[in-house]
C-alpha cells in the first residue's frame, strides 16, 4: 500500500518498512538565546518573569507556561541553587560500567520555577542529598561558547 493511499480500515495498517530522511534546524528562540548569551558573557543564569501570574522561570522562557503570556522581563539569578532531585549514574552511554560514578541532579533556585539538570561535583557523593546548596563551576570566560557545557558542574556550598 503506497504511503499516500488513504486507509479506510485501521486494521489494514500493519507497518511500513522504509526510512524517512529528516532534516531540521533547532533554534533556542529569543529567550533561549538571551539565556545562553548571559551565561557566556557574564556567567549568570537568566530568568524571565510573567507579568500576569508573577512566576519567574529559569532558564528564561519566551512565554509563561501557566498563563501563555509573553514574558519580556528578564533578571539574573543571584542566589545559589539547591538539589531538588539527584541520581547516580554508574554506566556509560553504551551501558558498560563506567570508571567512576557520576551524580546528576535537577538544580532549582529559590523563588524560581524550572531548573537545570547537570552534573554534581563532590568529594563525597554519598553525602549529597536533596536540599544541598550548590553553585555552578564555569569554564573560563574566554573558552565559553554559550552552551550548557559552559557549566562544568555544580559544587556544594558549605
Foldseek 3Di string as FASTA:
>chain_A
DDPPDDDPDPVVDDDDDDDDDDDDDDDLPDLLQVQLVCCLAPVWAKWFADPPPRAIATRHDQADPVPRHGTDDMDTDDFWWWFADKDKDQADPVRHGDPDIWMWTFTDHPRHPGGDIFTEDDPDPVPHDGGFTWHFDADPSVPRDRDPVRGVHIYGDD
